[in-house]
Amino acid sequence: MTDQLPQTIRDALQERALEALDHWAVRADEPVLLKYRENAVFRITLADGQSAALRLHRPGYHDETSLHSELAFMAGLRRGGLDVPSPVPTGDGRNLVRLPANRKFPEQHADVVSWIDGTALGQTGTPLSESAETQADIFFRIGHVMATMHDLADAWAPPTGFRRPAWDAEGLLGERPLWGRFWDCPGLSRGEASSLSALRDDLRDRLANAQRHGLDYGLIHADLVRENIFLTGSEDDIAFIDFDDAGYGFRLFDLATALLKNRQEPAYPEIENALIAGYRNRRGLSDAALQSLPLFMALRSLTYISWLAERPEIPNAPERLSRYVAESLELARKLDIDA
């Protein structure tokens, strides 16, 4: 997506990155813009020659307390043996710096995290290239590492003042969902808005019923899409990156996120079975709980509607929005068919 940015924006981001890097010991190499979505992410070279990632956080998305909490969670997982990025402090020991507003940018925060060597599992919308057998093997390992992450999260004691978003009933279906009001956002037709509003009411009832039967809840990654799952080639060979949306939520939300964008893969049944088997190889997951997985697939799908509606600058946004709405309504219809 960065190659579609106007040069004026790229130049401004580069200047802002250099401003941020005044706080870290780095080599004189120019920072390389890798991603520009929630954050602007650059690859940099530290003074010791190690690569790292500089993140310029989207102004107004997370406050300073929430950003410190994200970094603390990542550091805790890293200490527990999970392959995730960890904070790289400034020369005076800070994990986060505040960049003042200027004529191009409002006030925002920046941090640097350690580099994860490897390749992303894939890109959304591009078919996976591995054989069905290899895909199943990979997703088994992803499930196992996901369960390890949840185990470590349960064992970890958050620091005083820790605060992260909650992907709970209110965060998904309340009056102000974390990613916006999917039933009431720009770009929807009247019919789509009406259908999504009715769906919201139905899913609130379904989620409340599922909670009465017990659902595993705690700290989650919340965005384990292909781009955030890395194959590293090491012994354990699965790493997770981008904890920007990590917070409290239902553990099934992580499973649903890892599965949703793979639904069109020919090997999808094998992928789903392998992910669940890998998770169960490390952590308990009952058949009763798994009955709610289709519900969380629908809930995950809905989040993308409002996320995209608030970003009309994304290429082909109107077409993608219609596709997301159709996908969500299809997943909702299947809830009755599979019941």
C-alpha atoms as a PDB file:
ATOM      1  CA  MET A   1       0.000   0.000   0.000  1.00  0.00           C
ATOM      2  CA  THR A   2       2.937   2.370   0.546  1.00  0.00           C
ATOM      3  CA  ASP A   3       3.786   2.550  -3.167  1.00  0.00           C
ATOM      4  CA  GLN A   4       0.367   4.140  -3.796  1.00  0.00           C
ATOM      5  CA  LEU A   5       1.019   7.016  -1.401  1.00  0.00           C
ATOM      6  CA  PRO A   6       1.562  10.454  -2.951  1.00  0.00           C
ATOM      7  CA  GLN A   7       5.185  11.506  -2.786  1.00  0.00           C
ATOM      8  CA  THR A   8       4.311  14.515  -0.634  1.00  0.00           C
ATOM      9  CA  ILE A   9       2.924  12.192   2.074  1.00  0.00           C
ATOM     10  CA  ARG A  10       5.922   9.875   1.804  1.00  0.00           C
ATOM     11  CA  ASP A  11       8.285  12.819   2.179  1.00  0.00           C
ATOM     12  CA  ALA A  12       6.392  14.135   5.210  1.00  0.00           C
ATOM     13  CA  LEU A  13       6.411  10.721   6.871  1.00  0.00           C
ATOM     14  CA  GLN A  14      10.124  10.350   6.205  1.00  0.00           C
ATOM     15  CA  GLU A  15      10.800  13.715   7.825  1.00  0.00           C
ATOM     16  CA  ARG A  16       8.686  12.765  10.827  1.00  0.00           C
ATOM     17  CA  ALA A  17      10.515   9.447  11.149  1.00  0.00           C
ATOM     18  CA  LEU A  18      13.887  11.198  11.215  1.00  0.00           C
ATOM     19  CA  GLU A  19      12.552  13.517  13.911  1.00  0.00           C
ATOM     20  CA  ALA A  20      11.538  10.500  16.009  1.00  0.00           C
ATOM     21  CA  LEU A  21      14.876   8.766  15.500  1.00  0.00           C
ATOM     22  CA  ASP A  22      16.694  11.612  17.213  1.00  0.00           C
ATOM     23  CA  HIS A  23      15.734   9.762  20.417  1.00  0.00           C
ATOM     24  CA  TRP A  24      17.347   6.404  19.516  1.00  0.00           C
ATOM     25  CA  ALA A  25      20.914   5.338  18.756  1.00  0.00           C
ATOM     26  CA  VAL A  26      20.703   4.471  15.068  1.00  0.00           C
ATOM     27  CA  ARG A  27      22.896   4.365  12.013  1.00  0.00           C
ATOM     28  CA  ALA A  28      22.636   7.111   9.441  1.00  0.00           C
ATOM     29  CA  ASP A  29      20.719   4.871   7.008  1.00  0.00           C
ATOM     30  CA  GLU A  30      17.441   6.342   5.830  1.00  0.00           C
ATOM     31  CA  PRO A  31      14.384   4.721   7.458  1.00  0.00           C
ATOM     32  CA  VAL A  32      12.445   2.584   4.959  1.00  0.00           C
ATOM     33  CA  LEU A  33       8.655   2.934   5.003  1.00  0.00           C
ATOM     34  CA  LEU A  34       7.100  -0.537   5.103  1.00  0.00           C
ATOM     35  CA  LYS A  35       3.460   0.017   5.995  1.00  0.00           C
ATOM     36  CA  TYR A  36       1.055   2.898   6.384  1.00  0.00           C
ATOM     37  CA  ARG A  37      -2.251   1.844   7.953  1.00  0.00           C
ATOM     38  CA  GLU A  38      -2.990   2.382  11.627  1.00  0.00           C
ATOM     39  CA  ASN A  39       0.660   3.303  12.075  1.00  0.00           C
ATOM     40  CA  ALA A  40       3.473   4.287   9.768  1.00  0.00           C
ATOM     41  CA  VAL A  41       6.054   1.507  10.167  1.00  0.00           C
ATOM     42  CA  PHE A  42       9.675   1.888   9.069  1.00  0.00           C
ATOM     43  CA  ARG A  43      12.601  -0.487   9.001  1.00  0.00           C
ATOM     44  CA  ILE A  44      15.628   1.077  10.665  1.00  0.00           C
ATOM     45  CA  THR A  45      19.144   0.014  11.631  1.00  0.00           C
ATOM     46  CA  LEU A  46      20.221   0.439  15.242  1.00  0.00           C
ATOM     47  CA  ALA A  47      23.719   1.567  16.173  1.00  0.00           C
ATOM     48  CA  ASP A  48      24.729  -2.051  16.891  1.00  0.00           C
ATOM     49  CA  GLY A  49      23.765  -3.070  13.342  1.00  0.00           C
ATOM     50  CA  GLN A  50      20.536  -4.817  14.303  1.00  0.00           C
ATOM     51  CA  SER A  51      17.376  -4.104  12.351  1.00  0.00           C
ATOM     52  CA  ALA A  52      14.338  -2.766  14.205  1.00  0.00           C
ATOM     53  CA  ALA A  53      10.924  -1.279  13.429  1.00  0.00           C
ATOM     54  CA  LEU A  54      10.035   2.357  14.103  1.00  0.00           C
ATOM     55  CA  ARG A  55       6.316   2.952  14.562  1.00  0.00           C
ATOM     56  CA  LEU A  56       4.716   6.370  14.208  1.00  0.00           C
ATOM     57  CA  HIS A  57       1.370   5.827  15.893  1.00  0.00           C
ATOM     58  CA  ARG A  58      -1.830   7.086  14.333  1.00  0.00           C
ATOM     59  CA  PRO A  59      -2.785  10.272  16.193  1.00  0.00           C
ATOM     60  CA  GLY A  60      -5.805   9.836  18.419  1.00  0.00           C
ATOM     61  CA  TYR A  61      -6.095   6.060  18.042  1.00  0.00           C
ATOM     62  CA  HIS A  62      -4.465   4.961  21.312  1.00  0.00           C
ATOM     63  CA  ASP A  63      -3.498   7.212  24.207  1.00  0.00           C
ATOM     64  CA  GLU A  64      -0.140   7.107  25.966  1.00  0.00           C
ATOM     65  CA  THR A  65      -1.294   4.738  28.708  1.00  0.00           C
ATOM     66  CA  SER A  66      -2.667   2.272  26.195  1.00  0.00           C
ATOM     67  CA  LEU A  67       0.526   2.385  24.136  1.00  0.00           C
ATOM     68  CA  HIS A  68       2.696   1.768  27.204  1.00  0.00           C
ATOM     69  CA  SER A  69       0.398  -1.141  28.047  1.00  0.00           C
ATOM     70  CA  GLU A  70       0.787  -2.674  24.591  1.00  0.00           C
ATOM     71  CA  LEU A  71       4.567  -2.544  24.893  1.00  0.00           C
ATOM     72  CA  ALA A  72       4.417  -4.072  28.386  1.00  0.00           C
ATOM     73  CA  PHE A  73       2.263  -6.944  27.125  1.00  0.00           C
ATOM     74  CA  MET A  74       4.632  -7.644  24.230  1.00  0.00           C
ATOM     75  CA  ALA A  75       7.624  -7.582  26.570  1.00  0.00           C
ATOM     76  CA  GLY A  76       5.867 -10.008  28.919  1.00  0.00           C
ATOM     77  CA  LEU A  77       5.148 -12.438  26.099  1.00  0.00           C
ATOM     78  CA  ARG A  78       8.743 -12.160  24.882  1.00  0.00           C
ATOM     79  CA  ARG A  79      10.052 -12.983  28.378  1.00  0.00           C
ATOM     80  CA  GLY A  80       7.765 -16.004  28.357  1.00  0.00           C
ATOM     81  CA  GLY A  81       9.484 -17.319  25.234  1.00  0.00           C
ATOM     82  CA  LEU A  82       7.039 -16.205  22.531  1.00  0.00           C
ATOM     83  CA  ASP A  83       8.603 -14.879  19.325  1.00  0.00           C
ATOM     84  CA  VAL A  84       7.122 -11.366  19.235  1.00  0.00           C
ATOM     85  CA  PRO A  85       8.627  -7.881  18.920  1.00  0.00           C
ATOM     86  CA  SER A  86       9.797  -6.256  22.154  1.00  0.00           C
ATOM     87  CA  PRO A  87      10.441  -2.596  23.028  1.00  0.00           C
ATOM     88  CA  VAL A  88      13.795  -0.991  22.223  1.00  0.00           C
ATOM     89  CA  PRO A  89      14.384   1.866  24.705  1.00  0.00           C
ATOM     90  CA  THR A  90      15.706   5.301  23.849  1.00  0.00           C
ATOM     91  CA  GLY A  91      19.100   6.450  25.043  1.00  0.00           C
ATOM     92  CA  ASP A  92      17.527   7.736  28.267  1.00  0.00           C
ATOM     93  CA  GLY A  93      15.519   4.547  28.865  1.00  0.00           C
ATOM     94  CA  ARG A  94      12.076   5.453  27.512  1.00  0.00           C
ATOM     95  CA  ASN A  95       9.990   2.979  25.494  1.00  0.00           C
ATOM     96  CA  LEU A  96       7.739   5.667  24.035  1.00  0.00           C
ATOM     97  CA  VAL A  97       8.291   9.265  22.955  1.00  0.00           C
ATOM     98  CA  ARG A  98       5.815  12.040  22.278  1.00  0.00           C
ATOM     99  CA  LEU A  99       6.332  14.005  19.066  1.00  0.00           C
ATOM    100  CA  PRO A 100       4.948  17.564  19.207  1.00  0.00           C
ATOM    101  CA  ALA A 101       2.459  18.838  16.689  1.00  0.00           C
ATOM    102  CA  ASN A 102       3.801  20.702  13.673  1.00  0.00           C
ATOM    103  CA  ARG A 103       2.261  22.116  10.522  1.00  0.00           C
ATOM    104  CA  LYS A 104       2.116  18.635   8.908  1.00  0.00           C
ATOM    105  CA  PHE A 105       1.232  16.383  11.850  1.00  0.00           C
ATOM    106  CA  PRO A 106      -0.756  16.587  15.076  1.00  0.00           C
ATOM    107  CA  GLU A 107       0.863  15.394  18.279  1.00  0.00           C
ATOM    108  CA  GLN A 108       1.617  11.685  18.104  1.00  0.00           C
ATOM    109  CA  HIS A 109       3.737   8.981  19.720  1.00  0.00           C
ATOM    110  CA  ALA A 110       6.602   6.900  18.394  1.00  0.00           C
ATOM    111  CA  ASP A 111       8.336   3.747  19.550  1.00  0.00           C
ATOM    112  CA  VAL A 112      10.888   1.238  18.297  1.00  0.00           C
ATOM    113  CA  VAL A 113      10.465  -2.533  18.579  1.00  0.00           C
ATOM    114  CA  SER A 114      12.794  -5.391  17.788  1.00  0.00           C
ATOM    115  CA  TRP A 115      12.826  -6.884  14.317  1.00  0.00           C
ATOM    116  CA  ILE A 116      11.280 -10.267  13.488  1.00  0.00           C
ATOM    117  CA  ASP A 117      13.127 -12.027  10.685  1.00  0.00           C
ATOM    118  CA  GLY A 118      10.850 -14.068   8.484  1.00  0.00           C
ATOM    119  CA  THR A 119       8.105 -13.837   5.902  1.00  0.00           C
ATOM    120  CA  ALA A 120       4.422 -13.180   6.374  1.00  0.00           C
ATOM    121  CA  LEU A 121       2.158 -16.205   6.024  1.00  0.00           C
ATOM    122  CA  GLY A 122       0.531 -14.450   3.091  1.00  0.00           C
ATOM    123  CA  GLN A 123      -1.421 -11.457   1.854  1.00  0.00           C
ATOM    124  CA  THR A 124      -5.170 -11.130   2.175  1.00  0.00           C
ATOM    125  CA  GLY A 125      -6.832 -11.809  -1.168  1.00  0.00           C
ATOM    126  CA  THR A 126      -3.887 -13.750  -2.597  1.00  0.00           C
ATOM    127  CA  PRO A 127      -4.271 -17.570  -2.522  1.00  0.00           C
ATOM    128  CA  LEU A 128      -1.840 -19.458  -0.327  1.00  0.00           C
ATOM    129  CA  SER A 129       0.872 -21.087  -2.424  1.00  0.00           C
ATOM    130  CA  GLU A 130       1.683 -24.138  -0.269  1.00  0.00           C
ATOM    131  CA  SER A 131       0.163 -27.565  -0.715  1.00  0.00           C
ATOM    132  CA  ALA A 132      -2.906 -28.450   1.351  1.00  0.00           C
ATOM    133  CA  GLU A 133      -0.764 -30.700   3.526  1.00  0.00           C
ATOM    134  CA  THR A 134       1.763 -27.941   4.187  1.00  0.00           C
ATOM    135  CA  GLN A 135      -1.004 -25.437   4.929  1.00  0.00           C
ATOM    136  CA  ALA A 136      -2.475 -27.802   7.507  1.00  0.00           C
ATOM    137  CA  ASP A 137       0.936 -28.264   9.104  1.00  0.00           C
ATOM    138  CA  ILE A 138       1.468 -24.494   9.311  1.00  0.00           C
ATOM    139  CA  PHE A 139      -1.956 -23.828  10.831  1.00  0.00           C
ATOM    140  CA  PHE A 140      -1.434 -26.575  13.395  1.00  0.00           C
ATOM    141  CA  ARG A 141       1.683 -24.727  14.539  1.00  0.00           C
ATOM    142  CA  ILE A 142      -0.160 -21.394  14.488  1.00  0.00           C
ATOM    143  CA  GLY A 143      -2.854 -22.866  16.725  1.00  0.00           C
ATOM    144  CA  HIS A 144      -0.238 -24.192  19.132  1.00  0.00           C
ATOM    145  CA  VAL A 145       1.559 -20.832  19.355  1.00  0.00           C
ATOM    146  CA  MET A 146      -1.767 -19.014  19.780  1.00  0.00           C
ATOM    147  CA  ALA A 147      -2.614 -21.285  22.712  1.00  0.00           C
ATOM    148  CA  THR A 148       0.848 -20.647  24.167  1.00  0.00           C
ATOM    149  CA  MET A 149       0.207 -16.912  23.898  1.00  0.00           C
ATOM    150  CA  HIS A 150      -3.095 -17.268  25.766  1.00  0.00           C
ATOM    151  CA  ASP A 151      -1.402 -19.385  28.453  1.00  0.00           C
ATOM    152  CA  LEU A 152       1.310 -16.760  28.902  1.00  0.00           C
ATOM    153  CA  ALA A 153      -1.281 -13.979  29.004  1.00  0.00           C
ATOM    154  CA  ASP A 154      -3.158 -15.751  31.795  1.00  0.00           C
ATOM    155  CA  ALA A 155       0.039 -16.244  33.782  1.00  0.00           C
ATOM    156  CA  TRP A 156       1.257 -12.656  33.276  1.00  0.00           C
ATOM    157  CA  ALA A 157       0.603  -9.967  35.882  1.00  0.00           C
ATOM    158  CA  PRO A 158      -0.103  -6.643  34.106  1.00  0.00           C
ATOM    159  CA  PRO A 159       1.610  -3.597  35.621  1.00  0.00           C
ATOM    160  CA  THR A 160      -0.317  -1.015  37.611  1.00  0.00           C
ATOM    161  CA  GLY A 161      -2.355   1.214  35.320  1.00  0.00           C
ATOM    162  CA  PHE A 162      -2.420  -1.311  32.472  1.00  0.00           C
ATOM    163  CA  ARG A 163      -5.186  -0.441  29.999  1.00  0.00           C
ATOM    164  CA  ARG A 164      -6.076  -1.939  26.651  1.00  0.00           C
ATOM    165  CA  PRO A 165      -9.309  -2.037  24.619  1.00  0.00           C
ATOM    166  CA  ALA A 166     -11.916  -4.702  25.353  1.00  0.00           C
ATOM    167  CA  TRP A 167     -13.244  -6.795  22.470  1.00  0.00           C
ATOM    168  CA  ASP A 168     -16.245  -7.758  24.578  1.00  0.00           C
ATOM    169  CA  ALA A 169     -19.979  -7.488  23.842  1.00  0.00           C
ATOM    170  CA  GLU A 170     -19.829  -3.690  24.080  1.00  0.00           C
ATOM    171  CA  GLY A 171     -16.617  -3.435  22.079  1.00  0.00           C
ATOM    172  CA  LEU A 172     -18.096  -5.541  19.284  1.00  0.00           C
ATOM    173  CA  LEU A 173     -21.821  -4.776  19.330  1.00  0.00           C
ATOM    174  CA  GLY A 174     -22.413  -1.864  21.709  1.00  0.00           C
ATOM    175  CA  GLU A 175     -23.363   1.701  20.889  1.00  0.00           C
ATOM    176  CA  ARG A 176     -19.727   2.600  20.252  1.00  0.00           C
ATOM    177  CA  PRO A 177     -17.854  -0.483  18.987  1.00  0.00           C
ATOM    178  CA  LEU A 178     -14.075  -0.289  18.973  1.00  0.00           C
ATOM    179  CA  TRP A 179     -13.888  -0.014  15.183  1.00  0.00           C
ATOM    180  CA  GLY A 180     -17.075   1.986  14.722  1.00  0.00           C
ATOM    181  CA  ARG A 181     -20.829   1.555  14.171  1.00  0.00           C
ATOM    182  CA  PHE A 182     -20.876  -0.961  11.324  1.00  0.00           C
ATOM    183  CA  TRP A 183     -24.669  -0.657  10.922  1.00  0.00           C
ATOM    184  CA  ASP A 184     -24.538   3.127  10.707  1.00  0.00           C
ATOM    185  CA  CYS A 185     -21.495   4.188   8.720  1.00  0.00           C
ATOM    186  CA  PRO A 186     -20.858   6.085   5.460  1.00  0.00           C
ATOM    187  CA  GLY A 187     -21.211   4.174   2.209  1.00  0.00           C
ATOM    188  CA  LEU A 188     -24.003   1.797   3.209  1.00  0.00           C
ATOM    189  CA  SER A 189     -27.233   1.641   1.244  1.00  0.00           C
ATOM    190  CA  ARG A 190     -30.483   1.959   3.186  1.00  0.00           C
ATOM    191  CA  GLY A 191     -31.098  -1.763   2.753  1.00  0.00           C
ATOM    192  CA  GLU A 192     -27.620  -2.691   3.941  1.00  0.00           C
ATOM    193  CA  ALA A 193     -27.936  -0.445   6.998  1.00  0.00           C
ATOM    194  CA  SER A 194     -31.317  -1.989   7.861  1.00  0.00           C
ATOM    195  CA  SER A 195     -30.010  -5.552   7.471  1.00  0.00           C
ATOM    196  CA  LEU A 196     -26.911  -4.861   9.559  1.00  0.00           C
ATOM    197  CA  SER A 197     -28.939  -3.165  12.299  1.00  0.00           C
ATOM    198  CA  ALA A 198     -31.202  -6.215  12.549  1.00  0.00           C
ATOM    199  CA  LEU A 199     -28.153  -8.469  12.503  1.00  0.00           C
ATOM    200  CA  ARG A 200     -26.579  -6.511  15.345  1.00  0.00           C
ATOM    201  CA  ASP A 201     -29.633  -7.138  17.540  1.00  0.00           C
ATOM    202  CA  ASP A 202     -29.608 -10.840  16.671  1.00  0.00           C
ATOM    203  CA  LEU A 203     -25.904 -11.245  17.388  1.00  0.00           C
ATOM    204  CA  ARG A 204     -26.206  -9.460  20.724  1.00  0.00           C
ATOM    205  CA  ASP A 205     -28.714 -12.130  21.781  1.00  0.00           C
ATOM    206  CA  ARG A 206     -26.555 -14.953  20.423  1.00  0.00           C
ATOM    207  CA  LEU A 207     -23.431 -13.653  22.169  1.00  0.00           C
ATOM    208  CA  ALA A 208     -25.265 -13.199  25.475  1.00  0.00           C
ATOM    209  CA  ASN A 209     -26.511 -16.781  25.234  1.00  0.00           C
ATOM    210  CA  ALA A 210     -23.016 -18.071  24.421  1.00  0.00           C
ATOM    211  CA  GLN A 211     -21.592 -16.211  27.413  1.00  0.00           C
ATOM    212  CA  ARG A 212     -24.124 -17.840  29.710  1.00  0.00           C
ATOM    213  CA  HIS A 213     -22.634 -21.190  28.703  1.00  0.00           C
ATOM    214  CA  GLY A 214     -19.090 -19.958  29.387  1.00  0.00           C
ATOM    215  CA  LEU A 215     -16.482 -18.509  27.031  1.00  0.00           C
ATOM    216  CA  ASP A 216     -12.727 -18.218  27.602  1.00  0.00           C
ATOM    217  CA  TYR A 217     -11.866 -14.533  28.023  1.00  0.00           C
ATOM    218  CA  GLY A 218      -8.582 -12.722  28.612  1.00  0.00           C
ATOM    219  CA  LEU A 219      -5.820 -10.875  26.810  1.00  0.00           C
ATOM    220  CA  ILE A 220      -5.719 -11.597  23.070  1.00  0.00           C
ATOM    221  CA  HIS A 221      -3.817 -10.404  20.005  1.00  0.00           C
ATOM    222  CA  ALA A 222      -7.076  -9.484  18.189  1.00  0.00           C
ATOM    223  CA  ASP A 223      -5.549  -9.188  14.699  1.00  0.00           C
ATOM    224  CA  LEU A 224      -3.935 -12.484  13.733  1.00  0.00           C
ATOM    225  CA  VAL A 225      -4.401 -12.066   9.994  1.00  0.00           C
ATOM    226  CA  ARG A 226      -1.935 -13.550   7.521  1.00  0.00           C
ATOM    227  CA  GLU A 227       0.196 -10.403   7.414  1.00  0.00           C
ATOM    228  CA  ASN A 228       0.753 -10.546  11.185  1.00  0.00           C
ATOM    229  CA  ILE A 229       1.791 -14.218  11.315  1.00  0.00           C
ATOM    230  CA  PHE A 230       5.428 -14.739  10.375  1.00  0.00           C
ATOM    231  CA  LEU A 231       7.209 -17.924   9.338  1.00  0.00           C
ATOM    232  CA  THR A 232      10.719 -17.492  10.670  1.00  0.00           C
ATOM    233  CA  GLY A 233      12.488 -20.699   9.710  1.00  0.00           C
ATOM    234  CA  SER A 234      13.612 -21.210  13.319  1.00  0.00           C
ATOM    235  CA  GLU A 235      12.902 -24.274  15.438  1.00  0.00           C
ATOM    236  CA  ASP A 236       9.498 -23.019  16.555  1.00  0.00           C
ATOM    237  CA  ASP A 237       9.145 -20.989  13.333  1.00  0.00           C
ATOM    238  CA  ILE A 238       5.930 -19.056  14.088  1.00  0.00           C
ATOM    239  CA  ALA A 239       6.058 -15.432  15.220  1.00  0.00           C
ATOM    240  CA  PHE A 240       3.284 -12.896  15.806  1.00  0.00           C
ATOM    241  CA  ILE A 241       3.707  -9.200  15.063  1.00  0.00           C
ATOM    242  CA  ASP A 242       1.565  -6.031  15.267  1.00  0.00           C
ATOM    243  CA  PHE A 243      -0.096  -5.967  18.689  1.00  0.00           C
ATOM    244  CA  ASP A 244      -1.701  -2.594  17.920  1.00  0.00           C
ATOM    245  CA  ASP A 245      -5.206  -3.977  18.599  1.00  0.00           C
ATOM    246  CA  ALA A 246      -4.292  -6.359  21.422  1.00  0.00           C
ATOM    247  CA  GLY A 247      -6.553  -6.188  24.430  1.00  0.00           C
ATOM    248  CA  TYR A 248      -9.095  -8.117  26.427  1.00  0.00           C
ATOM    249  CA  GLY A 249     -11.401 -10.382  24.473  1.00  0.00           C
ATOM    250  CA  PHE A 250     -12.817 -13.797  23.835  1.00  0.00           C
ATOM    251  CA  ARG A 251     -10.134 -16.302  22.870  1.00  0.00           C
ATOM    252  CA  LEU A 252     -12.379 -17.524  20.039  1.00  0.00           C
ATOM    253  CA  PHE A 253     -11.928 -14.052  18.495  1.00  0.00           C
ATOM    254  CA  ASP A 254      -8.260 -14.858  17.846  1.00  0.00           C
ATOM    255  CA  LEU A 255      -9.181 -18.198  16.272  1.00  0.00           C
ATOM    256  CA  ALA A 256     -11.878 -16.587  14.127  1.00  0.00           C
ATOM    257  CA  THR A 257      -9.510 -13.839  12.949  1.00  0.00           C
ATOM    258  CA  ALA A 258      -6.896 -16.366  11.872  1.00  0.00           C
ATOM    259  CA  LEU A 259      -9.528 -18.281   9.888  1.00  0.00           C
ATOM    260  CA  LEU A 260     -11.786 -15.635   8.379  1.00  0.00           C
ATOM    261  CA  LYS A 261      -9.715 -14.508   5.399  1.00  0.00           C
ATOM    262  CA  ASN A 262      -8.881 -18.125   4.517  1.00  0.00           C
ATOM    263  CA  ARG A 263     -12.479 -19.203   3.938  1.00  0.00           C
ATOM    264  CA  GLN A 264     -12.070 -19.244   0.140  1.00  0.00           C
ATOM    265  CA  GLU A 265      -9.005 -21.486   0.225  1.00  0.00           C
ATOM    266  CA  PRO A 266      -9.683 -24.928  -1.322  1.00  0.00           C
ATOM    267  CA  ALA A 267      -8.048 -26.494   1.740  1.00  0.00           C
ATOM    268  CA  TYR A 268     -10.112 -24.453   4.230  1.00  0.00           C
ATOM    269  CA  PRO A 269     -11.615 -27.491   6.051  1.00  0.00           C
ATOM    270  CA  GLU A 270      -8.102 -28.813   6.634  1.00  0.00           C
ATOM    271  CA  ILE A 271      -6.900 -25.344   7.720  1.00  0.00           C
ATOM    272  CA  GLU A 272      -9.684 -24.975  10.289  1.00  0.00           C
ATOM    273  CA  ASN A 273      -9.259 -28.486  11.665  1.00  0.00           C
ATOM    274  CA  ALA A 274      -5.500 -28.053  11.919  1.00  0.00           C
ATOM    275  CA  LEU A 275      -5.719 -24.699  13.718  1.00  0.00           C
ATOM    276  CA  ILE A 276      -8.127 -26.135  16.282  1.00  0.00           C
ATOM    277  CA  ALA A 277      -6.054 -29.303  16.720  1.00  0.00           C
ATOM    278  CA  GLY A 278      -2.884 -27.260  17.240  1.00  0.00           C
ATOM    279  CA  TYR A 279      -4.618 -25.084  19.809  1.00  0.00           C
ATOM    280  CA  ARG A 280      -5.974 -28.105  21.654  1.00  0.00           C
ATOM    281  CA  ASN A 281      -2.532 -29.661  21.624  1.00  0.00           C
ATOM    282  CA  ARG A 282      -1.512 -26.954  24.081  1.00  0.00           C
ATOM    283  CA  ARG A 283      -4.663 -25.558  25.723  1.00  0.00           C
ATOM    284  CA  GLY A 284      -8.179 -26.732  26.502  1.00  0.00           C
ATOM    285  CA  LEU A 285     -10.955 -25.907  24.027  1.00  0.00           C
ATOM    286  CA  SER A 286     -14.248 -27.722  24.499  1.00  0.00           C
ATOM    287  CA  ASP A 287     -16.663 -28.869  21.819  1.00  0.00           C
ATOM    288  CA  ALA A 288     -19.301 -26.705  23.485  1.00  0.00           C
ATOM    289  CA  ALA A 289     -17.109 -23.620  23.116  1.00  0.00           C
ATOM    290  CA  LEU A 290     -16.354 -24.470  19.479  1.00  0.00           C
ATOM    291  CA  GLN A 291     -20.038 -24.251  18.684  1.00  0.00           C
ATOM    292  CA  SER A 292     -19.605 -20.478  19.014  1.00  0.00           C
ATOM    293  CA  LEU A 293     -16.787 -20.256  16.451  1.00  0.00           C
ATOM    294  CA  PRO A 294     -19.179 -19.443  13.539  1.00  0.00           C
ATOM    295  CA  LEU A 295     -20.641 -16.652  15.675  1.00  0.00           C
ATOM    296  CA  PHE A 296     -17.185 -15.146  16.156  1.00  0.00           C
ATOM    297  CA  MET A 297     -16.464 -15.448  12.437  1.00  0.00           C
ATOM    298  CA  ALA A 298     -19.509 -13.243  11.841  1.00  0.00           C
ATOM    299  CA  LEU A 299     -18.479 -10.822  14.593  1.00  0.00           C
ATOM    300  CA  ARG A 300     -14.961 -10.540  13.194  1.00  0.00           C
ATOM    301  CA  SER A 301     -16.319  -9.921   9.702  1.00  0.00           C
ATOM    302  CA  LEU A 302     -18.515  -7.057  10.913  1.00  0.00           C
ATOM    303  CA  THR A 303     -15.554  -5.173  12.365  1.00  0.00           C
ATOM    304  CA  TYR A 304     -14.069  -4.693   8.901  1.00  0.00           C
ATOM    305  CA  ILE A 305     -17.152  -2.824   7.652  1.00  0.00           C
ATOM    306  CA  SER A 306     -16.770   0.182   9.924  1.00  0.00           C
ATOM    307  CA  TRP A 307     -12.963  -0.011   9.781  1.00  0.00           C
ATOM    308  CA  LEU A 308     -13.081   0.404   6.000  1.00  0.00           C
ATOM    309  CA  ALA A 309     -15.904   2.945   6.009  1.00  0.00           C
ATOM    310  CA  GLU A 310     -13.716   5.295   8.062  1.00  0.00           C
ATOM    311  CA  ARG A 311     -10.891   4.987   5.516  1.00  0.00           C
ATOM    312  CA  PRO A 312     -12.337   6.033   2.140  1.00  0.00           C
ATOM    313  CA  GLU A 313      -8.831   6.776   0.865  1.00  0.00           C
ATOM    314  CA  ILE A 314      -8.102   3.029   0.628  1.00  0.00           C
ATOM    315  CA  PRO A 315      -8.114   1.885  -3.038  1.00  0.00           C
ATOM    316  CA  ASN A 316     -11.452   0.401  -4.195  1.00  0.00           C
ATOM    317  CA  ALA A 317     -13.021   1.172  -0.816  1.00  0.00           C
ATOM    318  CA  PRO A 318     -16.670   1.209  -2.067  1.00  0.00           C
ATOM    319  CA  GLU A 319     -16.330  -2.187  -3.766  1.00  0.00           C
ATOM    320  CA  ARG A 320     -14.588  -3.666  -0.756  1.00  0.00           C
ATOM    321  CA  LEU A 321     -17.236  -2.282   1.572  1.00  0.00           C
ATOM    322  CA  SER A 322     -20.006  -3.987  -0.427  1.00  0.00           C
ATOM    323  CA  ARG A 323     -18.037  -7.220  -0.336  1.00  0.00           C
ATOM    324  CA  TYR A 324     -17.556  -7.013   3.427  1.00  0.00           C
ATOM    325  CA  VAL A 325     -21.277  -6.416   3.971  1.00  0.00           C
ATOM    326  CA  ALA A 326     -22.193  -9.385   1.755  1.00  0.00           C
ATOM    327  CA  GLU A 327     -19.685 -11.592   3.580  1.00  0.00           C
ATOM    328  CA  SER A 328     -21.059 -10.650   6.993  1.00  0.00           C
ATOM    329  CA  LEU A 329     -24.647 -11.284   5.990  1.00  0.00           C
ATOM    330  CA  GLU A 330     -23.662 -14.635   4.455  1.00  0.00           C
ATOM    331  CA  LEU A 331     -21.894 -15.698   7.650  1.00  0.00           C
ATOM    332  CA  ALA A 332     -24.952 -14.646   9.657  1.00  0.00           C
ATOM    333  CA  ARG A 333     -27.287 -16.725   7.468  1.00  0.00           C
ATOM    334  CA  LYS A 334     -25.071 -19.748   8.052  1.00  0.00           C
ATOM    335  CA  LEU A 335     -25.571 -19.408  11.805  1.00  0.00           C
ATOM    336  CA  ASP A 336     -29.198 -20.518  11.357  1.00  0.00           C
ATOM    337  CA  ILE A 337     -28.329 -23.202   8.827  1.00  0.00           C
ATOM    338  CA  ASP A 338     -25.662 -24.714  11.093  1.00  0.00           C
ATOM    339  CA  ALA A 339     -27.712 -24.412  14.287  1.00  0.00           C
END
